[in-house]
Amino acid sequence: MVTIGRVNETPAPTAWPEVMLAPYGEMLTVTDVAHVLNVEPRNVRGLLTTADAASRLPGVKIGKSWRVARSQLTSYLVRHQNETAISQEEQATR
């Protein structure tokens, strides 16, 4: 038996947050986003409807349901990840 290449080759790591979003399609429901962020659906609705434009999660309301594009959620997570790290560092120095 001749083996070409590596036998136990692992796939290249996927960039965060794409790993978290892998099981989902292009449009996510409030429940899907809640699972990804590990929060309650009401918190996701709060992010979608907040008056603060800087912290608002971009989404589209279709009838009574919200949908969030996967690409917009990825951008939102990347944009806000540093804010969390900075606030944690500030609290640690106090």
PDB file of N, CA and C in Angstrom:
ATOM      1  N   MET A   1       0.840  -1.175   0.000  1.00  0.00           N
ATOM      2  CA  MET A   1       0.000   0.000   0.000  1.00  0.00           C
ATOM      3  C   MET A   1       0.887   1.240   0.000  1.00  0.00           C
ATOM      4  N   VAL A   2       0.644   2.120  -0.899  1.00  0.00           N
ATOM      5  CA  VAL A   2       1.426   3.345  -1.025  1.00  0.00           C
ATOM      6  C   VAL A   2       0.559   4.515  -0.572  1.00  0.00           C
ATOM      7  N   THR A   3       1.124   5.312   0.322  1.00  0.00           N
ATOM      8  CA  THR A   3       0.389   6.475   0.822  1.00  0.00           C
ATOM      9  C   THR A   3       1.012   7.738   0.236  1.00  0.00           C
ATOM     10  N   ILE A   4       0.191   8.528  -0.371  1.00  0.00           N
ATOM     11  CA  ILE A   4       0.649   9.796  -0.931  1.00  0.00           C
ATOM     12  C   ILE A   4       0.113  10.911  -0.051  1.00  0.00           C
ATOM     13  N   GLY A   5       1.018  11.788   0.391  1.00  0.00           N
ATOM     14  CA  GLY A   5       0.594  12.878   1.271  1.00  0.00           C
ATOM     15  C   GLY A   5       0.593  12.431   2.710  1.00  0.00           C
ATOM     16  N   ARG A   6       0.051  13.229   3.572  1.00  0.00           N
ATOM     17  CA  ARG A   6       0.000  12.926   5.005  1.00  0.00           C
ATOM     18  C   ARG A   6      -1.252  12.118   5.325  1.00  0.00           C
ATOM     19  N   VAL A   7      -1.089  11.131   6.171  1.00  0.00           N
ATOM     20  CA  VAL A   7      -2.205  10.253   6.521  1.00  0.00           C
ATOM     21  C   VAL A   7      -3.196  10.971   7.427  1.00  0.00           C
ATOM     22  N   ASN A   8      -2.718  11.571   8.500  1.00  0.00           N
ATOM     23  CA  ASN A   8      -3.596  12.222   9.479  1.00  0.00           C
ATOM     24  C   ASN A   8      -3.572  13.738   9.314  1.00  0.00           C
ATOM     25  N   GLU A   9      -3.714  14.173   8.109  1.00  0.00           N
ATOM     26  CA  GLU A   9      -3.667  15.601   7.835  1.00  0.00           C
ATOM     27  C   GLU A   9      -4.952  16.254   8.300  1.00  0.00           C
ATOM     28  N   THR A  10      -4.813  17.309   9.101  1.00  0.00           N
ATOM     29  CA  THR A  10      -5.992  18.027   9.574  1.00  0.00           C
ATOM     30  C   THR A  10      -6.226  19.215   8.657  1.00  0.00           C
ATOM     31  N   PRO A  11      -7.473  19.576   8.447  1.00  0.00           N
ATOM     32  CA  PRO A  11      -7.755  20.716   7.582  1.00  0.00           C
ATOM     33  C   PRO A  11      -7.232  22.007   8.206  1.00  0.00           C
ATOM     34  N   ALA A  12      -6.928  22.962   7.354  1.00  0.00           N
ATOM     35  CA  ALA A  12      -6.434  24.253   7.831  1.00  0.00           C
ATOM     36  C   ALA A  12      -7.498  24.901   8.702  1.00  0.00           C
ATOM     37  N   PRO A  13      -7.085  25.560   9.792  1.00  0.00           N
ATOM     38  CA  PRO A  13      -8.074  26.195  10.666  1.00  0.00           C
ATOM     39  C   PRO A  13      -8.813  27.317   9.939  1.00  0.00           C
ATOM     40  N   THR A  14     -10.085  27.385  10.190  1.00  0.00           N
ATOM     41  CA  THR A  14     -10.909  28.421   9.602  1.00  0.00           C
ATOM     42  C   THR A  14     -10.869  29.642  10.510  1.00  0.00           C
ATOM     43  N   ALA A  15     -10.908  30.796   9.920  1.00  0.00           N
ATOM     44  CA  ALA A  15     -10.812  32.035  10.682  1.00  0.00           C
ATOM     45  C   ALA A  15     -12.038  32.215  11.572  1.00  0.00           C
ATOM     46  N   TRP A  16     -11.770  32.721  12.768  1.00  0.00           N
ATOM     47  CA  TRP A  16     -12.856  33.101  13.664  1.00  0.00           C
ATOM     48  C   TRP A  16     -13.509  34.316  13.060  1.00  0.00           C
ATOM     49  N   PRO A  17     -14.767  34.520  13.070  1.00  0.00           N
ATOM     50  CA  PRO A  17     -15.869  33.770  13.658  1.00  0.00           C
ATOM     51  C   PRO A  17     -16.523  32.789  12.702  1.00  0.00           C
ATOM     52  N   GLU A  18     -15.905  32.556  11.553  1.00  0.00           N
ATOM     53  CA  GLU A  18     -16.492  31.627  10.580  1.00  0.00           C
ATOM     54  C   GLU A  18     -16.685  30.231  11.151  1.00  0.00           C
ATOM     55  N   VAL A  19     -15.846  29.830  12.094  1.00  0.00           N
ATOM     56  CA  VAL A  19     -15.977  28.511  12.719  1.00  0.00           C
ATOM     57  C   VAL A  19     -17.324  28.408  13.425  1.00  0.00           C
ATOM     58  N   MET A  20     -17.696  29.474  14.122  1.00  0.00           N
ATOM     59  CA  MET A  20     -18.960  29.473  14.867  1.00  0.00           C
ATOM     60  C   MET A  20     -20.170  29.475  13.933  1.00  0.00           C
ATOM     61  N   LEU A  21     -20.000  30.062  12.750  1.00  0.00           N
ATOM     62  CA  LEU A  21     -21.126  30.222  11.836  1.00  0.00           C
ATOM     63  C   LEU A  21     -21.226  29.110  10.791  1.00  0.00           C
ATOM     64  N   ALA A  22     -20.306  28.161  10.823  1.00  0.00           N
ATOM     65  CA  ALA A  22     -20.254  27.107   9.811  1.00  0.00           C
ATOM     66  C   ALA A  22     -21.569  26.336   9.634  1.00  0.00           C
ATOM     67  N   PRO A  23     -22.286  25.989  10.719  1.00  0.00           N
ATOM     68  CA  PRO A  23     -23.506  25.197  10.515  1.00  0.00           C
ATOM     69  C   PRO A  23     -24.699  25.981   9.982  1.00  0.00           C
ATOM     70  N   TYR A  24     -24.573  27.286   9.816  1.00  0.00           N
ATOM     71  CA  TYR A  24     -25.717  28.118   9.447  1.00  0.00           C
ATOM     72  C   TYR A  24     -25.630  28.562   7.989  1.00  0.00           C
ATOM     73  N   GLY A  25     -26.778  28.923   7.433  1.00  0.00           N
ATOM     74  CA  GLY A  25     -26.848  29.407   6.062  1.00  0.00           C
ATOM     75  C   GLY A  25     -26.479  30.885   5.972  1.00  0.00           C
ATOM     76  N   GLU A  26     -26.870  31.504   4.877  1.00  0.00           N
ATOM     77  CA  GLU A  26     -26.528  32.911   4.641  1.00  0.00           C
ATOM     78  C   GLU A  26     -27.364  33.878   5.487  1.00  0.00           C
ATOM     79  N   MET A  27     -28.564  33.482   5.857  1.00  0.00           N
ATOM     80  CA  MET A  27     -29.418  34.327   6.703  1.00  0.00           C
ATOM     81  C   MET A  27     -29.733  33.568   7.984  1.00  0.00           C
ATOM     82  N   LEU A  28     -29.540  34.244   9.122  1.00  0.00           N
ATOM     83  CA  LEU A  28     -29.762  33.611  10.419  1.00  0.00           C
ATOM     84  C   LEU A  28     -30.984  34.213  11.091  1.00  0.00           C
ATOM     85  N   THR A  29     -31.719  33.391  11.814  1.00  0.00           N
ATOM     86  CA  THR A  29     -32.850  33.864  12.599  1.00  0.00           C
ATOM     87  C   THR A  29     -32.329  34.404  13.931  1.00  0.00           C
ATOM     88  N   VAL A  30     -33.208  35.012  14.701  1.00  0.00           N
ATOM     89  CA  VAL A  30     -32.850  35.488  16.035  1.00  0.00           C
ATOM     90  C   VAL A  30     -32.372  34.323  16.897  1.00  0.00           C
ATOM     91  N   THR A  31     -33.034  33.189  16.786  1.00  0.00           N
ATOM     92  CA  THR A  31     -32.640  32.002  17.551  1.00  0.00           C
ATOM     93  C   THR A  31     -31.254  31.514  17.141  1.00  0.00           C
ATOM     94  N   ASP A  32     -30.966  31.529  15.846  1.00  0.00           N
ATOM     95  CA  ASP A  32     -29.634  31.127  15.371  1.00  0.00           C
ATOM     96  C   ASP A  32     -28.552  32.041  15.943  1.00  0.00           C
ATOM     97  N   VAL A  33     -28.775  33.337  15.875  1.00  0.00           N
ATOM     98  CA  VAL A  33     -27.800  34.307  16.390  1.00  0.00           C
ATOM     99  C   VAL A  33     -27.629  34.129  17.897  1.00  0.00           C
ATOM    100  N   ALA A  34     -28.725  33.866  18.594  1.00  0.00           N
ATOM    101  CA  ALA A  34     -28.660  33.644  20.038  1.00  0.00           C
ATOM    102  C   ALA A  34     -27.793  32.425  20.357  1.00  0.00           C
ATOM    103  N   HIS A  35     -27.911  31.358  19.570  1.00  0.00           N
ATOM    104  CA  HIS A  35     -27.083  30.173  19.778  1.00  0.00           C
ATOM    105  C   HIS A  35     -25.610  30.491  19.534  1.00  0.00           C
ATOM    106  N   VAL A  36     -25.326  31.226  18.475  1.00  0.00           N
ATOM    107  CA  VAL A  36     -23.936  31.580  18.147  1.00  0.00           C
ATOM    108  C   VAL A  36     -23.312  32.418  19.255  1.00  0.00           C
ATOM    109  N   LEU A  37     -24.070  33.400  19.757  1.00  0.00           N
ATOM    110  CA  LEU A  37     -23.546  34.315  20.774  1.00  0.00           C
ATOM    111  C   LEU A  37     -23.708  33.781  22.192  1.00  0.00           C
ATOM    112  N   ASN A  38     -24.432  32.679  22.330  1.00  0.00           N
ATOM    113  CA  ASN A  38     -24.700  32.088  23.650  1.00  0.00           C
ATOM    114  C   ASN A  38     -25.426  33.072  24.567  1.00  0.00           C
ATOM    115  N   VAL A  39     -26.469  33.680  24.015  1.00  0.00           N
ATOM    116  CA  VAL A  39     -27.315  34.609  24.769  1.00  0.00           C
ATOM    117  C   VAL A  39     -28.773  34.254  24.507  1.00  0.00           C
ATOM    118  N   GLU A  40     -29.652  34.902  25.224  1.00  0.00           N
ATOM    119  CA  GLU A  40     -31.093  34.697  25.030  1.00  0.00           C
ATOM    120  C   GLU A  40     -31.564  35.433  23.761  1.00  0.00           C
ATOM    121  N   PRO A  41     -32.579  34.910  23.079  1.00  0.00           N
ATOM    122  CA  PRO A  41     -33.118  35.585  21.890  1.00  0.00           C
ATOM    123  C   PRO A  41     -33.556  37.027  22.169  1.00  0.00           C
ATOM    124  N   ARG A  42     -34.048  37.313  23.360  1.00  0.00           N
ATOM    125  CA  ARG A  42     -34.476  38.693  23.673  1.00  0.00           C
ATOM    126  C   ARG A  42     -33.283  39.651  23.663  1.00  0.00           C
ATOM    127  N   ASN A  43     -32.080  39.155  24.020  1.00  0.00           N
ATOM    128  CA  ASN A  43     -30.888  39.994  23.966  1.00  0.00           C
ATOM    129  C   ASN A  43     -30.520  40.317  22.515  1.00  0.00           C
ATOM    130  N   VAL A  44     -30.703  39.344  21.632  1.00  0.00           N
ATOM    131  CA  VAL A  44     -30.439  39.567  20.210  1.00  0.00           C
ATOM    132  C   VAL A  44     -31.422  40.600  19.670  1.00  0.00           C
ATOM    133  N   ARG A  45     -32.702  40.471  20.032  1.00  0.00           N
ATOM    134  CA  ARG A  45     -33.692  41.461  19.596  1.00  0.00           C
ATOM    135  C   ARG A  45     -33.326  42.848  20.115  1.00  0.00           C
ATOM    136  N   GLY A  46     -32.791  42.906  21.324  1.00  0.00           N
ATOM    137  CA  GLY A  46     -32.344  44.180  21.881  1.00  0.00           C
ATOM    138  C   GLY A  46     -31.201  44.770  21.065  1.00  0.00           C
ATOM    139  N   LEU A  47     -30.268  43.936  20.620  1.00  0.00           N
ATOM    140  CA  LEU A  47     -29.163  44.410  19.784  1.00  0.00           C
ATOM    141  C   LEU A  47     -29.664  44.883  18.420  1.00  0.00           C
ATOM    142  N   LEU A  48     -30.714  44.246  17.922  1.00  0.00           N
ATOM    143  CA  LEU A  48     -31.269  44.633  16.622  1.00  0.00           C
ATOM    144  C   LEU A  48     -32.037  45.948  16.681  1.00  0.00           C
ATOM    145  N   THR A  49     -32.593  46.266  17.844  1.00  0.00           N
ATOM    146  CA  THR A  49     -33.474  47.440  17.943  1.00  0.00           C
ATOM    147  C   THR A  49     -32.912  48.573  18.794  1.00  0.00           C
ATOM    148  N   THR A  50     -31.676  48.457  19.278  1.00  0.00           N
ATOM    149  CA  THR A  50     -31.125  49.490  20.138  1.00  0.00           C
ATOM    150  C   THR A  50     -31.020  50.830  19.408  1.00  0.00           C
ATOM    151  N   ALA A  51     -31.185  51.901  20.148  1.00  0.00           N
ATOM    152  CA  ALA A  51     -31.115  53.240  19.568  1.00  0.00           C
ATOM    153  C   ALA A  51     -29.679  53.653  19.269  1.00  0.00           C
ATOM    154  N   ASP A  52     -28.714  53.015  19.928  1.00  0.00           N
ATOM    155  CA  ASP A  52     -27.301  53.325  19.728  1.00  0.00           C
ATOM    156  C   ASP A  52     -26.816  52.691  18.424  1.00  0.00           C
ATOM    157  N   ALA A  53     -26.620  53.507  17.409  1.00  0.00           N
ATOM    158  CA  ALA A  53     -26.248  52.998  16.090  1.00  0.00           C
ATOM    159  C   ALA A  53     -24.907  52.264  16.106  1.00  0.00           C
ATOM    160  N   ALA A  54     -23.996  52.661  16.983  1.00  0.00           N
ATOM    161  CA  ALA A  54     -22.674  52.038  17.029  1.00  0.00           C
ATOM    162  C   ALA A  54     -22.730  50.595  17.525  1.00  0.00           C
ATOM    163  N   SER A  55     -23.692  50.287  18.370  1.00  0.00           N
ATOM    164  CA  SER A  55     -23.770  48.923  18.905  1.00  0.00           C
ATOM    165  C   SER A  55     -24.931  48.125  18.318  1.00  0.00           C
ATOM    166  N   ARG A  56     -25.632  48.669  17.351  1.00  0.00           N
ATOM    167  CA  ARG A  56     -26.781  47.980  16.747  1.00  0.00           C
ATOM    168  C   ARG A  56     -26.299  46.860  15.820  1.00  0.00           C
ATOM    169  N   LEU A  57     -26.920  45.708  15.953  1.00  0.00           N
ATOM    170  CA  LEU A  57     -26.666  44.572  15.076  1.00  0.00           C
ATOM    171  C   LEU A  57     -27.492  44.772  13.814  1.00  0.00           C
ATOM    172  N   PRO A  58     -26.853  44.785  12.640  1.00  0.00           N
ATOM    173  CA  PRO A  58     -27.623  44.989  11.413  1.00  0.00           C
ATOM    174  C   PRO A  58     -28.503  43.783  11.109  1.00  0.00           C
ATOM    175  N   GLY A  59     -29.743  44.055  10.763  1.00  0.00           N
ATOM    176  CA  GLY A  59     -30.675  42.985  10.440  1.00  0.00           C
ATOM    177  C   GLY A  59     -31.843  43.513   9.640  1.00  0.00           C
ATOM    178  N   VAL A  60     -32.659  42.607   9.153  1.00  0.00           N
ATOM    179  CA  VAL A  60     -33.824  42.951   8.352  1.00  0.00           C
ATOM    180  C   VAL A  60     -35.048  42.342   9.014  1.00  0.00           C
ATOM    181  N   LYS A  61     -36.084  43.152   9.157  1.00  0.00           N
ATOM    182  CA  LYS A  61     -37.327  42.632   9.718  1.00  0.00           C
ATOM    183  C   LYS A  61     -38.257  42.270   8.569  1.00  0.00           C
ATOM    184  N   ILE A  62     -38.671  41.007   8.555  1.00  0.00           N
ATOM    185  CA  ILE A  62     -39.590  40.511   7.538  1.00  0.00           C
ATOM    186  C   ILE A  62     -40.845  40.081   8.263  1.00  0.00           C
ATOM    187  N   GLY A  63     -41.897  40.869   8.128  1.00  0.00           N
ATOM    188  CA  GLY A  63     -43.109  40.618   8.902  1.00  0.00           C
ATOM    189  C   GLY A  63     -42.826  40.840  10.370  1.00  0.00           C
ATOM    190  N   LYS A  64     -42.975  39.806  11.181  1.00  0.00           N
ATOM    191  CA  LYS A  64     -42.677  39.901  12.609  1.00  0.00           C
ATOM    192  C   LYS A  64     -41.334  39.276  12.963  1.00  0.00           C
ATOM    193  N   SER A  65     -40.638  38.746  11.968  1.00  0.00           N
ATOM    194  CA  SER A  65     -39.377  38.037  12.213  1.00  0.00           C
ATOM    195  C   SER A  65     -38.176  38.846  11.761  1.00  0.00           C
ATOM    196  N   TRP A  66     -37.075  38.695  12.484  1.00  0.00           N
ATOM    197  CA  TRP A  66     -35.808  39.321  12.121  1.00  0.00           C
ATOM    198  C   TRP A  66     -34.920  38.304  11.437  1.00  0.00           C
ATOM    199  N   ARG A  67     -34.122  38.768  10.475  1.00  0.00           N
ATOM    200  CA  ARG A  67     -33.087  37.955   9.843  1.00  0.00           C
ATOM    201  C   ARG A  67     -31.792  38.765   9.841  1.00  0.00           C
ATOM    202  N   VAL A  68     -30.688  38.067  10.077  1.00  0.00           N
ATOM    203  CA  VAL A  68     -29.372  38.693  10.092  1.00  0.00           C
ATOM    204  C   VAL A  68     -28.517  37.987   9.054  1.00  0.00           C
ATOM    205  N   ALA A  69     -27.923  38.766   8.157  1.00  0.00           N
ATOM    206  CA  ALA A  69     -27.037  38.176   7.145  1.00  0.00           C
ATOM    207  C   ALA A  69     -25.766  37.682   7.812  1.00  0.00           C
ATOM    208  N   ARG A  70     -25.311  36.530   7.395  1.00  0.00           N
ATOM    209  CA  ARG A  70     -24.110  35.926   7.962  1.00  0.00           C
ATOM    210  C   ARG A  70     -22.913  36.872   7.858  1.00  0.00           C
ATOM    211  N   SER A  71     -22.768  37.534   6.710  1.00  0.00           N
ATOM    212  CA  SER A  71     -21.635  38.447   6.504  1.00  0.00           C
ATOM    213  C   SER A  71     -21.713  39.641   7.460  1.00  0.00           C
ATOM    214  N   GLN A  72     -22.925  40.139   7.717  1.00  0.00           N
ATOM    215  CA  GLN A  72     -23.076  41.266   8.643  1.00  0.00           C
ATOM    216  C   GLN A  72     -22.797  40.845  10.081  1.00  0.00           C
ATOM    217  N   LEU A  73     -23.191  39.632  10.451  1.00  0.00           N
ATOM    218  CA  LEU A  73     -22.905  39.139  11.794  1.00  0.00           C
ATOM    219  C   LEU A  73     -21.396  38.955  11.972  1.00  0.00           C
ATOM    220  N   THR A  74     -20.730  38.433  10.952  1.00  0.00           N
ATOM    221  CA  THR A  74     -19.278  38.279  11.010  1.00  0.00           C
ATOM    222  C   THR A  74     -18.611  39.631  11.209  1.00  0.00           C
ATOM    223  N   SER A  75     -18.999  40.625  10.438  1.00  0.00           N
ATOM    224  CA  SER A  75     -18.428  41.974  10.565  1.00  0.00           C
ATOM    225  C   SER A  75     -18.701  42.553  11.946  1.00  0.00           C
ATOM    226  N   TYR A  76     -19.908  42.354  12.444  1.00  0.00           N
ATOM    227  CA  TYR A  76     -20.281  42.859  13.762  1.00  0.00           C
ATOM    228  C   TYR A  76     -19.410  42.231  14.853  1.00  0.00           C
ATOM    229  N   LEU A  77     -19.219  40.931  14.794  1.00  0.00           N
ATOM    230  CA  LEU A  77     -18.419  40.236  15.799  1.00  0.00           C
ATOM    231  C   LEU A  77     -16.960  40.687  15.765  1.00  0.00           C
ATOM    232  N   VAL A  78     -16.407  40.825  14.584  1.00  0.00           N
ATOM    233  CA  VAL A  78     -15.012  41.273  14.460  1.00  0.00           C
ATOM    234  C   VAL A  78     -14.871  42.706  14.964  1.00  0.00           C
ATOM    235  N   ARG A  79     -15.810  43.554  14.607  1.00  0.00           N
ATOM    236  CA  ARG A  79     -15.766  44.970  15.010  1.00  0.00           C
ATOM    237  C   ARG A  79     -15.875  45.130  16.522  1.00  0.00           C
ATOM    238  N   HIS A  80     -16.651  44.276  17.173  1.00  0.00           N
ATOM    239  CA  HIS A  80     -16.894  44.425  18.608  1.00  0.00           C
ATOM    240  C   HIS A  80     -16.012  43.553  19.496  1.00  0.00           C
ATOM    241  N   GLN A  81     -15.201  42.675  18.925  1.00  0.00           N
ATOM    242  CA  GLN A  81     -14.368  41.816  19.762  1.00  0.00           C
ATOM    243  C   GLN A  81     -13.315  42.613  20.513  1.00  0.00           C
ATOM    244  N   ASN A  82     -12.745  43.627  19.923  1.00  0.00           N
ATOM    245  CA  ASN A  82     -11.714  44.417  20.589  1.00  0.00           C
ATOM    246  C   ASN A  82     -12.287  45.267  21.709  1.00  0.00           C
ATOM    247  N   GLU A  83     -13.515  45.721  21.581  1.00  0.00           N
ATOM    248  CA  GLU A  83     -14.143  46.508  22.628  1.00  0.00           C
ATOM    249  C   GLU A  83     -14.262  45.700  23.913  1.00  0.00           C
ATOM    250  N   THR A  84     -14.608  44.437  23.802  1.00  0.00           N
ATOM    251  CA  THR A  84     -14.729  43.570  24.967  1.00  0.00           C
ATOM    252  C   THR A  84     -13.368  43.357  25.615  1.00  0.00           C
ATOM    253  N   ALA A  85     -12.348  43.105  24.813  1.00  0.00           N
ATOM    254  CA  ALA A  85     -11.001  42.879  25.343  1.00  0.00           C
ATOM    255  C   ALA A  85     -10.481  44.119  26.051  1.00  0.00           C
ATOM    256  N   ILE A  86     -10.718  45.287  25.486  1.00  0.00           N
ATOM    257  CA  ILE A  86     -10.263  46.537  26.090  1.00  0.00           C
ATOM    258  C   ILE A  86     -10.971  46.791  27.406  1.00  0.00           C
ATOM    259  N   SER A  87     -12.289  46.576  27.450  1.00  0.00           N
ATOM    260  CA  SER A  87     -13.026  46.822  28.689  1.00  0.00           C
ATOM    261  C   SER A  87     -12.598  45.846  29.784  1.00  0.00           C
ATOM    262  N   GLN A  88     -12.260  44.601  29.423  1.00  0.00           N
ATOM    263  CA  GLN A  88     -11.782  43.632  30.409  1.00  0.00           C
ATOM    264  C   GLN A  88     -10.411  44.046  30.948  1.00  0.00           C
ATOM    265  N   GLU A  89      -9.558  44.584  30.090  1.00  0.00           N
ATOM    266  CA  GLU A  89      -8.239  45.049  30.528  1.00  0.00           C
ATOM    267  C   GLU A  89      -8.376  46.243  31.458  1.00  0.00           C
ATOM    268  N   GLU A  90      -9.313  47.152  31.154  1.00  0.00           N
ATOM    269  CA  GLU A  90      -9.533  48.316  31.998  1.00  0.00           C
ATOM    270  C   GLU A  90     -10.011  47.905  33.382  1.00  0.00           C
ATOM    271  N   GLN A  91     -10.892  46.914  33.450  1.00  0.00           N
ATOM    272  CA  GLN A  91     -11.404  46.445  34.736  1.00  0.00           C
ATOM    273  C   GLN A  91     -10.308  45.751  35.541  1.00  0.00           C
ATOM    274  N   ALA A  92      -9.399  45.080  34.863  1.00  0.00           N
ATOM    275  CA  ALA A  92      -8.324  44.373  35.563  1.00  0.00           C
ATOM    276  C   ALA A  92      -7.316  45.336  36.179  1.00  0.00           C
ATOM    277  N   THR A  93      -7.155  46.520  35.575  1.00  0.00           N
ATOM    278  CA  THR A  93      -6.186  47.490  36.078  1.00  0.00           C
ATOM    279  C   THR A  93      -6.760  48.338  37.211  1.00  0.00           C
ATOM    280  N   ARG A  94      -8.029  48.236  37.449  1.00  0.00           N
ATOM    281  CA  ARG A  94      -8.643  49.050  38.527  1.00  0.00           C
ATOM    282  C   ARG A  94      -8.418  48.445  39.875  1.00  0.00           C
TER     283      ARG A  94
END
